[in-house]
Amino acid sequence: TDLPSLQVLETALAGYEILNQNKAIVRTGIITIIDFSLPSDKERLWVVDLANNKVLFHCLVSHGRNSGDIMAEKFSNIPGSFTSSPGFYATGDTYTGRNGLSLVLEGLEAGINDNARDRAIVMHGADYVSPEYIKENGRLGRSYGCPAVPEKICGEIIQSIKGGSC
């Protein structure tokens, strides 16, 4: 499908509006949505240009290795848990680290994802986020909790969402 489920889309847009009103996000008009109700072998990340009603990116995205196998079923905010954390985030600055270009993510929900910075939960590219990896392993590779995206479009995605978007 070309869009997330209606429930995920409605939740994302409602949260976006609240964050926008509360000035928790400074870069408006763009939203990144991950639908963890979908299995990891499906494209479940969307970057949507709300101003122009256009999907800029739709791609594979990893979940944490302790969140589940093909499905992300367990979530945590605890450092060292190697799980994904749900909820709303604001994008921060970029840096180049062990995984190349990476994007800092600021968890905006107390007790749900507000340890993201301490846990070094960032968006980055990974070679295990690819159709080839799925073909060989029956599922996507898993991260330590980061939403890793395909290496070949990682830079473009990060450039389009960095600096305070939802």
N, C-alpha and C. Protein backbone atom coordinates (compact mmCIF):
# COMPACT_ATOMS: atom_id res chain seq x y z
N THR A 1 0.83 -1.20 0.00
CA THR A 1 0.00 0.00 0.00
C THR A 1 0.86 1.26 0.00
N ASP A 2 0.31 2.33 -0.51
CA ASP A 2 1.08 3.57 -0.62
C ASP A 2 0.97 4.46 0.60
N LEU A 3 0.09 4.12 1.53
CA LEU A 3 -0.08 4.93 2.73
C LEU A 3 -0.15 4.05 3.97
N PRO A 4 0.18 4.61 5.14
CA PRO A 4 0.02 3.82 6.36
C PRO A 4 -1.47 3.54 6.61
N SER A 5 -1.77 2.63 7.54
CA SER A 5 -3.16 2.35 7.87
C SER A 5 -3.83 3.63 8.34
N LEU A 6 -5.13 3.69 8.17
CA LEU A 6 -5.89 4.89 8.55
C LEU A 6 -5.69 5.23 10.02
N GLN A 7 -5.69 4.21 10.87
CA GLN A 7 -5.51 4.43 12.31
C GLN A 7 -4.15 5.07 12.60
N VAL A 8 -3.10 4.55 11.97
CA VAL A 8 -1.75 5.10 12.18
C VAL A 8 -1.66 6.52 11.63
N LEU A 9 -2.24 6.73 10.45
CA LEU A 9 -2.21 8.05 9.84
C LEU A 9 -2.96 9.07 10.70
N GLU A 10 -4.14 8.71 11.18
CA GLU A 10 -4.92 9.63 12.03
C GLU A 10 -4.19 9.95 13.32
N THR A 11 -3.60 8.94 13.96
CA THR A 11 -2.84 9.15 15.20
C THR A 11 -1.65 10.07 14.94
N ALA A 12 -0.93 9.81 13.85
CA ALA A 12 0.25 10.61 13.51
C ALA A 12 -0.13 12.08 13.26
N LEU A 13 -1.18 12.29 12.51
CA LEU A 13 -1.58 13.67 12.18
C LEU A 13 -2.13 14.40 13.40
N ALA A 14 -2.86 13.69 14.27
CA ALA A 14 -3.38 14.31 15.49
C ALA A 14 -2.22 14.73 16.40
N GLY A 15 -1.25 13.84 16.55
CA GLY A 15 -0.08 14.16 17.37
C GLY A 15 0.73 15.29 16.79
N TYR A 16 0.89 15.28 15.48
CA TYR A 16 1.61 16.34 14.77
C TYR A 16 0.97 17.70 15.08
N GLU A 17 -0.35 17.77 15.01
CA GLU A 17 -1.06 19.03 15.29
C GLU A 17 -0.79 19.53 16.71
N ILE A 18 -0.84 18.62 17.68
CA ILE A 18 -0.58 19.00 19.08
C ILE A 18 0.86 19.48 19.24
N LEU A 19 1.80 18.75 18.68
CA LEU A 19 3.21 19.14 18.78
C LEU A 19 3.46 20.49 18.10
N ASN A 20 2.79 20.70 16.99
CA ASN A 20 2.91 21.96 16.26
C ASN A 20 2.36 23.11 17.12
N GLN A 21 1.19 22.92 17.71
CA GLN A 21 0.59 23.95 18.58
C GLN A 21 1.47 24.25 19.78
N ASN A 22 2.09 23.19 20.35
CA ASN A 22 2.95 23.36 21.52
C ASN A 22 4.38 23.77 21.18
N LYS A 23 4.64 24.02 19.90
CA LYS A 23 5.96 24.42 19.41
C LYS A 23 7.04 23.38 19.74
N ALA A 24 6.64 22.10 19.85
CA ALA A 24 7.60 21.02 20.12
C ALA A 24 8.34 20.64 18.84
N ILE A 25 7.75 21.00 17.70
CA ILE A 25 8.43 20.82 16.42
C ILE A 25 8.53 22.18 15.77
N VAL A 26 9.67 22.45 15.15
CA VAL A 26 9.87 23.76 14.53
C VAL A 26 9.84 23.67 13.01
N ARG A 27 10.02 22.46 12.51
CA ARG A 27 10.01 22.27 11.07
C ARG A 27 8.69 21.65 10.67
N THR A 28 7.75 22.49 10.29
CA THR A 28 6.41 22.01 9.98
C THR A 28 6.27 21.71 8.49
N GLY A 29 5.17 21.06 8.15
CA GLY A 29 4.90 20.75 6.74
C GLY A 29 5.46 19.40 6.31
N ILE A 30 6.16 18.72 7.23
CA ILE A 30 6.71 17.41 6.88
C ILE A 30 6.56 16.49 8.09
N ILE A 31 6.23 15.23 7.84
CA ILE A 31 6.09 14.25 8.91
C ILE A 31 6.65 12.92 8.45
N THR A 32 7.32 12.23 9.37
CA THR A 32 7.82 10.88 9.11
C THR A 32 6.97 9.93 9.94
N ILE A 33 6.46 8.90 9.30
CA ILE A 33 5.58 7.94 9.97
C ILE A 33 6.16 6.54 9.80
N ILE A 34 6.25 5.79 10.92
CA ILE A 34 6.63 4.38 10.87
C ILE A 34 5.44 3.59 11.40
N ASP A 35 4.98 2.63 10.61
CA ASP A 35 3.85 1.78 11.00
C ASP A 35 4.39 0.42 11.45
N PHE A 36 4.63 0.29 12.77
CA PHE A 36 5.17 -0.94 13.31
C PHE A 36 4.15 -2.08 13.39
N SER A 37 2.91 -1.83 12.94
CA SER A 37 1.96 -2.94 12.86
C SER A 37 2.24 -3.78 11.61
N LEU A 38 3.09 -3.26 10.73
CA LEU A 38 3.47 -4.01 9.52
C LEU A 38 4.75 -4.81 9.78
N PRO A 39 4.92 -5.95 9.10
CA PRO A 39 6.15 -6.73 9.27
C PRO A 39 7.35 -6.02 8.63
N SER A 40 8.54 -6.39 9.09
CA SER A 40 9.75 -5.69 8.64
C SER A 40 10.11 -5.95 7.18
N ASP A 41 9.48 -6.94 6.54
CA ASP A 41 9.77 -7.15 5.12
C ASP A 41 8.89 -6.29 4.21
N LYS A 42 8.09 -5.42 4.82
CA LYS A 42 7.25 -4.47 4.07
C LYS A 42 7.80 -3.06 4.25
N GLU A 43 7.59 -2.22 3.25
CA GLU A 43 7.99 -0.81 3.37
C GLU A 43 7.03 -0.15 4.36
N ARG A 44 7.53 0.26 5.51
CA ARG A 44 6.66 0.76 6.58
C ARG A 44 7.10 2.11 7.13
N LEU A 45 7.93 2.82 6.39
CA LEU A 45 8.29 4.19 6.74
C LEU A 45 7.86 5.11 5.60
N TRP A 46 7.21 6.21 5.97
CA TRP A 46 6.81 7.22 5.00
C TRP A 46 7.32 8.58 5.46
N VAL A 47 7.83 9.36 4.53
CA VAL A 47 8.09 10.78 4.77
C VAL A 47 7.10 11.51 3.89
N VAL A 48 6.23 12.29 4.54
CA VAL A 48 5.14 12.94 3.81
C VAL A 48 5.30 14.46 3.88
N ASP A 49 5.23 15.06 2.71
CA ASP A 49 5.22 16.52 2.57
C ASP A 49 3.75 16.93 2.70
N LEU A 50 3.38 17.40 3.90
CA LEU A 50 1.98 17.75 4.17
C LEU A 50 1.54 18.97 3.38
N ALA A 51 2.46 19.89 3.16
CA ALA A 51 2.14 21.12 2.44
C ALA A 51 1.70 20.82 1.00
N ASN A 52 2.31 19.81 0.40
CA ASN A 52 2.00 19.47 -0.99
C ASN A 52 1.30 18.13 -1.16
N ASN A 53 0.86 17.53 -0.02
CA ASN A 53 0.18 16.23 -0.05
C ASN A 53 0.93 15.21 -0.91
N LYS A 54 2.22 15.06 -0.61
CA LYS A 54 3.06 14.21 -1.44
C LYS A 54 3.92 13.30 -0.57
N VAL A 55 4.01 12.03 -0.94
CA VAL A 55 4.92 11.10 -0.26
C VAL A 55 6.31 11.29 -0.87
N LEU A 56 7.26 11.71 -0.04
CA LEU A 56 8.63 11.93 -0.51
C LEU A 56 9.45 10.65 -0.49
N PHE A 57 9.24 9.83 0.54
CA PHE A 57 9.93 8.56 0.66
C PHE A 57 8.98 7.52 1.23
N HIS A 58 9.13 6.30 0.77
CA HIS A 58 8.37 5.16 1.30
C HIS A 58 9.35 3.99 1.21
N CYS A 59 9.79 3.49 2.37
CA CYS A 59 10.87 2.51 2.34
C CYS A 59 10.84 1.55 3.52
N LEU A 60 11.75 0.61 3.48
CA LEU A 60 11.96 -0.32 4.59
C LEU A 60 12.55 0.43 5.78
N VAL A 61 12.28 -0.05 6.98
CA VAL A 61 12.90 0.50 8.19
C VAL A 61 13.00 -0.61 9.23
N SER A 62 14.12 -0.64 9.94
CA SER A 62 14.35 -1.70 10.92
C SER A 62 13.66 -1.40 12.24
N HIS A 63 13.57 -2.45 13.07
CA HIS A 63 13.21 -2.28 14.48
C HIS A 63 14.30 -2.94 15.32
N GLY A 64 14.23 -2.69 16.62
CA GLY A 64 15.25 -3.21 17.53
C GLY A 64 15.24 -4.73 17.60
N ARG A 65 16.43 -5.30 17.82
CA ARG A 65 16.55 -6.77 17.78
C ARG A 65 15.75 -7.46 18.88
N ASN A 66 15.52 -6.77 20.01
CA ASN A 66 14.70 -7.37 21.07
C ASN A 66 13.23 -6.97 20.99
N SER A 67 12.86 -6.27 19.92
CA SER A 67 11.45 -5.92 19.72
C SER A 67 10.67 -7.06 19.08
N GLY A 68 11.39 -7.96 18.41
CA GLY A 68 10.73 -9.08 17.76
C GLY A 68 11.49 -9.54 16.55
N ASP A 69 10.97 -10.58 15.92
CA ASP A 69 11.61 -11.16 14.75
C ASP A 69 11.18 -10.38 13.50
N ILE A 70 10.16 -10.85 12.80
CA ILE A 70 9.69 -10.10 11.62
C ILE A 70 8.73 -8.98 12.04
N MET A 71 8.04 -9.17 13.18
CA MET A 71 7.12 -8.15 13.70
C MET A 71 7.73 -7.47 14.92
N ALA A 72 7.53 -6.16 15.04
CA ALA A 72 7.94 -5.44 16.25
C ALA A 72 6.82 -5.60 17.27
N GLU A 73 7.06 -6.37 18.31
CA GLU A 73 6.02 -6.67 19.30
C GLU A 73 6.33 -6.14 20.69
N LYS A 74 7.60 -5.98 21.02
CA LYS A 74 8.00 -5.50 22.35
C LYS A 74 8.69 -4.15 22.19
N PHE A 75 8.31 -3.22 23.04
CA PHE A 75 8.89 -1.87 22.99
C PHE A 75 9.38 -1.49 24.38
N SER A 76 10.39 -0.65 24.44
CA SER A 76 10.92 -0.23 25.73
C SER A 76 11.61 1.11 25.59
N ASN A 77 11.75 1.78 26.72
CA ASN A 77 12.44 3.06 26.81
C ASN A 77 13.73 2.89 27.62
N ILE A 78 14.02 1.65 28.00
CA ILE A 78 15.14 1.37 28.92
C ILE A 78 16.46 1.26 28.17
N PRO A 79 17.48 2.02 28.62
CA PRO A 79 18.80 1.90 28.00
C PRO A 79 19.30 0.45 28.05
N GLY A 80 19.90 0.00 26.94
CA GLY A 80 20.42 -1.35 26.86
C GLY A 80 19.38 -2.40 26.51
N SER A 81 18.14 -2.00 26.26
CA SER A 81 17.08 -2.97 25.97
C SER A 81 17.11 -3.48 24.53
N PHE A 82 17.80 -2.76 23.63
CA PHE A 82 17.86 -3.12 22.21
C PHE A 82 16.47 -3.27 21.60
N THR A 83 15.54 -2.44 22.05
CA THR A 83 14.19 -2.44 21.49
C THR A 83 13.90 -1.08 20.87
N SER A 84 12.89 -1.06 20.04
CA SER A 84 12.38 0.20 19.50
C SER A 84 11.51 0.86 20.56
N SER A 85 11.38 2.16 20.47
CA SER A 85 10.46 2.90 21.34
C SER A 85 9.43 3.58 20.45
N PRO A 86 8.13 3.40 20.77
CA PRO A 86 7.09 4.05 19.96
C PRO A 86 6.97 5.52 20.32
N GLY A 87 6.01 6.19 19.75
CA GLY A 87 5.70 7.56 20.14
C GLY A 87 6.23 8.61 19.19
N PHE A 88 6.09 9.84 19.64
CA PHE A 88 6.45 11.00 18.83
C PHE A 88 7.86 11.48 19.14
N TYR A 89 8.56 11.86 18.09
CA TYR A 89 9.93 12.36 18.18
C TYR A 89 10.05 13.66 17.40
N ALA A 90 11.03 14.47 17.78
CA ALA A 90 11.44 15.60 16.96
C ALA A 90 12.84 15.27 16.44
N THR A 91 13.09 15.55 15.17
CA THR A 91 14.42 15.31 14.62
C THR A 91 15.37 16.41 15.09
N GLY A 92 16.61 16.03 15.26
CA GLY A 92 17.62 16.99 15.70
C GLY A 92 18.67 17.22 14.64
N ASP A 93 19.90 17.31 15.11
CA ASP A 93 21.04 17.56 14.23
C ASP A 93 21.57 16.26 13.65
N THR A 94 22.42 16.39 12.65
CA THR A 94 23.07 15.23 12.06
C THR A 94 24.52 15.17 12.55
N TYR A 95 25.08 13.99 12.46
CA TYR A 95 26.50 13.80 12.73
C TYR A 95 26.94 12.57 11.94
N THR A 96 28.23 12.41 11.79
CA THR A 96 28.75 11.23 11.13
C THR A 96 29.39 10.35 12.19
N GLY A 97 28.84 9.14 12.33
CA GLY A 97 29.30 8.21 13.35
C GLY A 97 29.64 6.85 12.78
N ARG A 98 29.59 5.84 13.63
CA ARG A 98 29.92 4.46 13.25
C ARG A 98 29.08 3.99 12.07
N ASN A 99 27.83 4.48 11.99
CA ASN A 99 26.92 4.07 10.91
C ASN A 99 26.82 5.13 9.81
N GLY A 100 27.84 5.98 9.68
CA GLY A 100 27.81 7.03 8.67
C GLY A 100 26.91 8.18 9.10
N LEU A 101 26.31 8.86 8.13
CA LEU A 101 25.44 9.99 8.44
C LEU A 101 24.29 9.51 9.32
N SER A 102 24.11 10.18 10.46
CA SER A 102 23.08 9.79 11.41
C SER A 102 22.32 11.02 11.86
N LEU A 103 21.07 10.80 12.29
CA LEU A 103 20.18 11.88 12.69
C LEU A 103 19.73 11.67 14.13
N VAL A 104 20.02 12.64 14.98
CA VAL A 104 19.61 12.59 16.38
C VAL A 104 18.08 12.65 16.46
N LEU A 105 17.49 11.80 17.31
CA LEU A 105 16.04 11.80 17.52
C LEU A 105 15.76 12.12 18.99
N GLU A 106 14.89 13.08 19.21
CA GLU A 106 14.52 13.52 20.55
C GLU A 106 13.14 12.96 20.88
N GLY A 107 13.09 11.99 21.81
CA GLY A 107 11.80 11.42 22.21
C GLY A 107 11.00 12.44 22.99
N LEU A 108 9.76 12.65 22.61
CA LEU A 108 8.93 13.71 23.19
C LEU A 108 7.91 13.21 24.21
N GLU A 109 7.90 11.89 24.47
CA GLU A 109 6.88 11.35 25.37
C GLU A 109 7.52 10.74 26.62
N ALA A 110 7.24 11.35 27.77
CA ALA A 110 7.79 10.90 29.05
C ALA A 110 7.45 9.44 29.32
N GLY A 111 8.47 8.67 29.67
CA GLY A 111 8.27 7.27 30.01
C GLY A 111 8.10 6.35 28.82
N ILE A 112 7.94 6.91 27.62
CA ILE A 112 7.70 6.11 26.42
C ILE A 112 8.93 6.11 25.51
N ASN A 113 9.47 7.31 25.26
CA ASN A 113 10.64 7.40 24.38
C ASN A 113 11.60 8.52 24.78
N ASP A 114 11.43 9.09 25.97
CA ASP A 114 12.25 10.24 26.35
C ASP A 114 13.69 9.87 26.72
N ASN A 115 14.03 8.58 26.70
CA ASN A 115 15.43 8.16 26.89
C ASN A 115 16.15 7.97 25.55
N ALA A 116 15.51 8.36 24.46
CA ALA A 116 16.08 8.12 23.12
C ALA A 116 17.50 8.66 23.01
N ARG A 117 17.74 9.86 23.49
CA ARG A 117 19.07 10.46 23.38
C ARG A 117 20.10 9.67 24.20
N ASP A 118 19.74 9.32 25.44
CA ASP A 118 20.64 8.52 26.29
C ASP A 118 20.90 7.14 25.68
N ARG A 119 19.92 6.61 24.98
CA ARG A 119 20.04 5.28 24.35
C ARG A 119 20.72 5.36 22.98
N ALA A 120 21.05 6.58 22.53
CA ALA A 120 21.65 6.79 21.20
C ALA A 120 20.75 6.23 20.10
N ILE A 121 19.43 6.46 20.24
CA ILE A 121 18.47 6.07 19.22
C ILE A 121 18.47 7.15 18.15
N VAL A 122 18.99 6.80 16.99
CA VAL A 122 19.15 7.75 15.89
C VAL A 122 18.71 7.08 14.59
N MET A 123 18.43 7.89 13.58
CA MET A 123 18.18 7.32 12.25
C MET A 123 19.51 7.23 11.53
N HIS A 124 19.76 6.07 10.91
CA HIS A 124 20.99 5.88 10.14
C HIS A 124 20.73 4.85 9.05
N GLY A 125 21.64 4.77 8.13
CA GLY A 125 21.55 3.76 7.08
C GLY A 125 22.17 2.46 7.55
N ALA A 126 21.74 1.35 6.97
CA ALA A 126 22.32 0.04 7.31
C ALA A 126 22.19 -0.92 6.13
N ASP A 127 23.23 -1.73 5.95
CA ASP A 127 23.21 -2.70 4.84
C ASP A 127 22.19 -3.81 5.08
N TYR A 128 21.76 -3.99 6.34
CA TYR A 128 20.75 -5.02 6.64
C TYR A 128 19.32 -4.54 6.39
N VAL A 129 19.18 -3.34 5.88
CA VAL A 129 17.86 -2.81 5.51
C VAL A 129 17.80 -2.79 3.97
N SER A 130 17.52 -3.98 3.41
CA SER A 130 17.52 -4.11 1.96
C SER A 130 16.72 -5.34 1.54
N PRO A 131 16.20 -5.29 0.31
CA PRO A 131 15.48 -6.46 -0.21
C PRO A 131 16.39 -7.69 -0.27
N GLU A 132 17.69 -7.49 -0.52
CA GLU A 132 18.64 -8.60 -0.59
C GLU A 132 18.73 -9.32 0.76
N TYR A 133 18.78 -8.52 1.83
CA TYR A 133 18.86 -9.10 3.17
C TYR A 133 17.59 -9.91 3.48
N ILE A 134 16.44 -9.35 3.10
CA ILE A 134 15.17 -10.05 3.31
C ILE A 134 15.18 -11.38 2.55
N LYS A 135 15.63 -11.34 1.29
CA LYS A 135 15.68 -12.55 0.46
C LYS A 135 16.52 -13.64 1.13
N GLU A 136 17.66 -13.25 1.70
CA GLU A 136 18.56 -14.21 2.33
C GLU A 136 18.08 -14.69 3.70
N ASN A 137 17.39 -13.83 4.45
CA ASN A 137 17.08 -14.12 5.86
C ASN A 137 15.60 -14.23 6.20
N GLY A 138 14.73 -13.94 5.21
CA GLY A 138 13.29 -14.03 5.45
C GLY A 138 12.72 -12.86 6.22
N ARG A 139 13.56 -11.93 6.62
CA ARG A 139 13.12 -10.72 7.32
C ARG A 139 14.24 -9.70 7.21
N LEU A 140 13.93 -8.48 7.61
CA LEU A 140 14.92 -7.41 7.65
C LEU A 140 15.88 -7.65 8.81
N GLY A 141 17.07 -7.10 8.71
CA GLY A 141 17.99 -7.12 9.85
C GLY A 141 17.44 -6.21 10.93
N ARG A 142 17.97 -6.35 12.14
CA ARG A 142 17.47 -5.55 13.26
C ARG A 142 18.58 -4.73 13.88
N SER A 143 18.19 -3.60 14.42
CA SER A 143 19.13 -2.64 15.00
C SER A 143 19.16 -2.80 16.52
N TYR A 144 19.87 -1.91 17.19
CA TYR A 144 19.87 -1.87 18.66
C TYR A 144 18.68 -1.04 19.17
N GLY A 145 17.77 -0.70 18.27
CA GLY A 145 16.60 0.10 18.64
C GLY A 145 16.41 1.28 17.71
N CYS A 146 17.38 1.51 16.84
CA CYS A 146 17.31 2.64 15.91
C CYS A 146 16.42 2.31 14.71
N PRO A 147 15.74 3.34 14.18
CA PRO A 147 15.05 3.16 12.90
C PRO A 147 16.08 3.30 11.77
N ALA A 148 16.69 2.19 11.39
CA ALA A 148 17.67 2.21 10.31
C ALA A 148 16.95 2.10 8.97
N VAL A 149 17.46 2.81 7.99
CA VAL A 149 16.85 2.89 6.66
C VAL A 149 17.86 2.40 5.61
N PRO A 150 17.41 2.18 4.36
CA PRO A 150 18.34 1.73 3.32
C PRO A 150 19.50 2.72 3.12
N GLU A 151 20.71 2.18 3.03
CA GLU A 151 21.90 3.03 2.89
C GLU A 151 21.82 3.97 1.69
N LYS A 152 21.29 3.46 0.55
CA LYS A 152 21.36 4.29 -0.66
C LYS A 152 20.45 5.53 -0.62
N ILE A 153 19.44 5.55 0.26
CA ILE A 153 18.60 6.75 0.35
C ILE A 153 18.67 7.43 1.72
N CYS A 154 19.49 6.88 2.59
CA CYS A 154 19.62 7.40 3.95
C CYS A 154 19.91 8.91 3.97
N GLY A 155 20.90 9.32 3.21
CA GLY A 155 21.29 10.74 3.18
C GLY A 155 20.16 11.65 2.75
N GLU A 156 19.46 11.25 1.70
CA GLU A 156 18.34 12.06 1.20
C GLU A 156 17.23 12.16 2.24
N ILE A 157 16.91 11.04 2.88
CA ILE A 157 15.85 11.06 3.91
C ILE A 157 16.26 11.98 5.04
N ILE A 158 17.46 11.78 5.57
CA ILE A 158 17.92 12.58 6.71
C ILE A 158 17.93 14.07 6.38
N GLN A 159 18.44 14.42 5.21
CA GLN A 159 18.47 15.84 4.80
C GLN A 159 17.06 16.43 4.73
N SER A 160 16.09 15.61 4.33
CA SER A 160 14.73 16.13 4.16
C SER A 160 13.95 16.27 5.47
N ILE A 161 14.40 15.61 6.55
CA ILE A 161 13.62 15.64 7.80
C ILE A 161 14.37 16.24 8.99
N LYS A 162 15.69 16.48 8.87
CA LYS A 162 16.47 16.98 10.01
C LYS A 162 15.98 18.36 10.49
N GLY A 163 16.40 18.70 11.70
CA GLY A 163 16.16 20.07 12.18
C GLY A 163 14.80 20.38 12.74
N GLY A 164 14.19 19.43 13.45
CA GLY A 164 12.98 19.75 14.18
C GLY A 164 11.67 19.34 13.54
N SER A 165 11.69 18.33 12.65
CA SER A 165 10.42 17.85 12.10
C SER A 165 9.90 16.73 13.00
N CYS A 166 8.66 16.34 12.78
CA CYS A 166 8.00 15.30 13.56
C CYS A 166 8.24 13.94 12.92
